[in-house]
Amino acid sequence: MIRNANMGDVKEMHSLLNHYADKGVLLGRSYSSLYDKLRDFKVCVDSDGTLLGVCALNIIWEDLAEIRSLAVREGAQGQKVGQELVRACLEEAEHFDINKVFTLTYQAGFFRKQGFKDIDKSKLPHKIWSDCLNCTKFPDCDEEALQCIVSDVL
């Protein structure tokens, strides 16, 4: 089941996101940033309420949003959890009349399967780089940038 994240999810979200941050495959999130951006997050939970995955839609500008912090528990991978989370974020973008959504990722193949296309990072607005300043890989980012047109994907 996909739903909006709530306060009770934050500790599990933090643990899951930082598990992958420790592996160097996504940017970690502090508790403070999770509480601050909680309304951006969707979670996938099983019938027992166990958190299987998390994903956020960060609105950048009137016509642009970012999918970020996509993480799926290792035991739940291959079960379409990530796909459903991305779809829920794209549906929310559509709800807000945002038609362009991008992501910076090490999992470009996954996003290409969801309808995203490769783009040059230099085409992204400077505003998105504020989080990059806190990344250990800055300024030598090796993530790939992809973007989709929501109306083409949904």
Protein backbone atom coordinates (compact mmCIF):
# COMPACT_ATOMS: atom_id res chain seq x y z
CA MET A 1 0.00 0.00 0.00
CA ILE A 2 1.29 3.46 -0.94
CA ARG A 3 0.37 6.35 1.35
CA ASN A 4 1.65 9.71 2.51
CA ALA A 5 4.39 9.43 5.14
CA ASN A 6 3.55 10.33 8.72
CA MET A 7 5.46 11.09 11.90
CA GLY A 8 5.49 7.44 12.91
CA ASP A 9 7.43 6.56 9.72
CA VAL A 10 10.37 8.93 10.23
CA LYS A 11 12.65 6.60 12.22
CA GLU A 12 12.24 3.76 9.70
CA MET A 13 12.64 6.18 6.78
CA HIS A 14 15.83 7.54 8.34
CA SER A 15 17.21 4.04 8.86
CA LEU A 16 16.38 2.91 5.31
CA LEU A 17 17.72 6.03 3.60
CA ASN A 18 20.91 6.08 5.63
CA HIS A 19 21.47 2.36 5.01
CA TYR A 20 21.79 3.21 1.31
CA ALA A 21 23.70 6.43 2.02
CA ASP A 22 26.30 4.34 3.86
CA LYS A 23 26.66 2.31 0.66
CA GLY A 24 27.17 5.53 -1.30
CA VAL A 25 24.11 5.10 -3.54
CA LEU A 26 22.02 8.03 -2.30
CA LEU A 27 22.27 11.13 -0.18
CA GLY A 28 21.54 10.51 3.49
CA ARG A 29 18.88 12.48 5.31
CA SER A 30 18.99 13.81 8.85
CA TYR A 31 16.00 13.47 11.14
CA SER A 32 15.62 17.24 10.90
CA SER A 33 15.43 17.19 7.10
CA LEU A 34 12.92 14.32 7.16
CA TYR A 35 10.65 16.15 9.58
CA ASP A 36 11.06 19.36 7.57
CA LYS A 37 10.15 17.68 4.27
CA LEU A 38 7.78 15.00 5.58
CA ARG A 39 4.93 16.22 3.37
CA ASP A 40 7.06 15.43 0.29
CA PHE A 41 7.33 11.72 1.12
CA LYS A 42 5.32 8.69 0.11
CA VAL A 43 5.86 5.31 1.75
CA CYS A 44 4.99 1.78 0.80
CA VAL A 45 3.99 -0.48 3.68
CA ASP A 46 2.95 -4.11 3.77
CA SER A 47 -0.18 -5.48 5.45
CA ASP A 48 1.65 -5.54 8.81
CA GLY A 49 2.61 -1.89 8.49
CA THR A 50 6.29 -2.64 7.81
CA LEU A 51 7.91 0.06 5.72
CA LEU A 52 9.04 -1.42 2.40
CA GLY A 53 10.07 1.72 0.59
CA VAL A 54 10.12 5.49 0.52
CA CYS A 55 10.23 8.21 -2.13
CA ALA A 56 9.81 11.98 -2.21
CA LEU A 57 8.53 14.50 -4.71
CA ASN A 58 10.28 17.82 -4.18
CA ILE A 59 8.65 20.75 -5.99
CA ILE A 60 11.34 22.98 -7.47
CA TRP A 61 9.39 25.51 -9.51
CA GLU A 62 5.97 25.98 -11.08
CA ASP A 63 6.76 23.51 -13.87
CA LEU A 64 9.45 21.29 -12.36
CA ALA A 65 9.76 18.75 -9.55
CA GLU A 66 12.35 16.21 -8.47
CA ILE A 67 11.94 12.61 -7.44
CA ARG A 68 14.43 12.00 -4.67
CA SER A 69 15.25 9.69 -1.79
CA LEU A 70 13.85 6.58 -3.48
CA ALA A 71 14.81 3.57 -1.39
CA VAL A 72 13.34 0.08 -1.22
CA ARG A 73 14.12 -2.40 1.54
CA GLU A 74 16.45 -5.07 0.14
CA GLY A 75 13.96 -7.88 0.82
CA ALA A 76 11.24 -6.02 -1.12
CA GLN A 77 13.23 -5.26 -4.26
CA GLY A 78 11.88 -6.78 -7.46
CA GLN A 79 8.30 -6.53 -6.20
CA LYS A 80 7.43 -3.25 -8.00
CA VAL A 81 7.65 -1.20 -4.79
CA GLY A 82 9.94 1.38 -6.39
CA GLN A 83 7.80 1.50 -9.51
CA GLU A 84 4.64 2.13 -7.47
CA LEU A 85 6.33 4.83 -5.39
CA VAL A 86 7.57 6.64 -8.50
CA ARG A 87 4.12 6.39 -10.06
CA ALA A 88 2.51 7.85 -6.91
CA CYS A 89 4.94 10.78 -7.04
CA LEU A 90 4.24 11.36 -10.73
CA GLU A 91 0.49 11.30 -10.05
CA GLU A 92 1.02 13.91 -7.35
CA ALA A 93 3.05 16.04 -9.78
CA GLU A 94 0.16 15.75 -12.24
CA HIS A 95 -2.26 16.82 -9.48
CA PHE A 96 -0.20 20.00 -9.03
CA ASP A 97 -0.06 20.58 -12.82
CA ILE A 98 3.69 19.95 -12.87
CA ASN A 99 4.58 18.25 -16.13
CA LYS A 100 8.38 17.88 -15.87
CA VAL A 101 9.98 15.69 -13.24
CA PHE A 102 13.67 14.90 -12.99
CA THR A 103 15.91 12.76 -10.84
CA LEU A 104 19.60 12.50 -10.07
CA THR A 105 20.42 8.84 -9.58
CA TYR A 106 22.83 5.91 -9.66
CA GLN A 107 19.91 3.71 -10.79
CA ALA A 108 19.40 5.23 -14.24
CA GLY A 109 18.25 1.93 -15.75
CA PHE A 110 15.36 1.73 -13.30
CA PHE A 111 14.20 5.25 -14.16
CA ARG A 112 14.55 4.65 -17.90
CA LYS A 113 12.12 1.74 -17.49
CA GLN A 114 9.68 4.21 -15.87
CA GLY A 115 9.80 6.48 -18.93
CA PHE A 116 12.55 8.89 -17.88
CA LYS A 117 15.09 10.08 -20.48
CA ASP A 118 18.71 11.10 -19.98
CA ILE A 119 19.38 14.84 -19.79
CA ASP A 120 22.47 16.97 -19.32
CA LYS A 121 22.83 18.06 -15.67
CA SER A 122 23.73 21.55 -16.83
CA LYS A 123 20.13 21.94 -18.09
CA LEU A 124 18.81 21.72 -14.51
CA PRO A 125 18.21 24.96 -12.59
CA HIS A 126 20.89 26.08 -10.14
CA LYS A 127 18.39 25.88 -7.28
CA ILE A 128 18.63 22.08 -7.22
CA TRP A 129 22.31 22.12 -6.32
CA SER A 130 21.75 23.35 -2.74
CA ASP A 131 21.60 19.76 -1.41
CA CYS A 132 24.69 18.89 -3.39
CA LEU A 133 26.78 21.19 -1.22
CA ASN A 134 26.32 18.70 1.65
CA CYS A 135 27.28 15.67 -0.42
CA THR A 136 30.66 14.02 0.03
CA LYS A 137 30.93 13.72 -3.75
CA PHE A 138 30.50 17.43 -4.42
CA PRO A 139 31.66 18.89 -6.80
CA ASP A 140 32.53 15.64 -8.60
CA CYS A 141 29.00 14.25 -8.84
CA ASP A 142 28.76 10.99 -10.75
CA GLU A 143 24.98 10.63 -10.59
CA GLU A 144 23.04 10.57 -13.84
CA ALA A 145 20.28 13.10 -14.56
CA LEU A 146 17.03 11.92 -16.10
CA GLN A 147 13.73 13.65 -16.74
CA CYS A 148 10.24 12.71 -17.84
CA ILE A 149 7.22 14.52 -19.13
CA VAL A 150 4.48 13.39 -16.77
CA SER A 151 1.74 13.37 -19.39
CA ASP A 152 3.86 11.04 -21.55
CA VAL A 153 4.42 8.55 -18.71
CA LEU A 154 1.02 8.33 -16.98
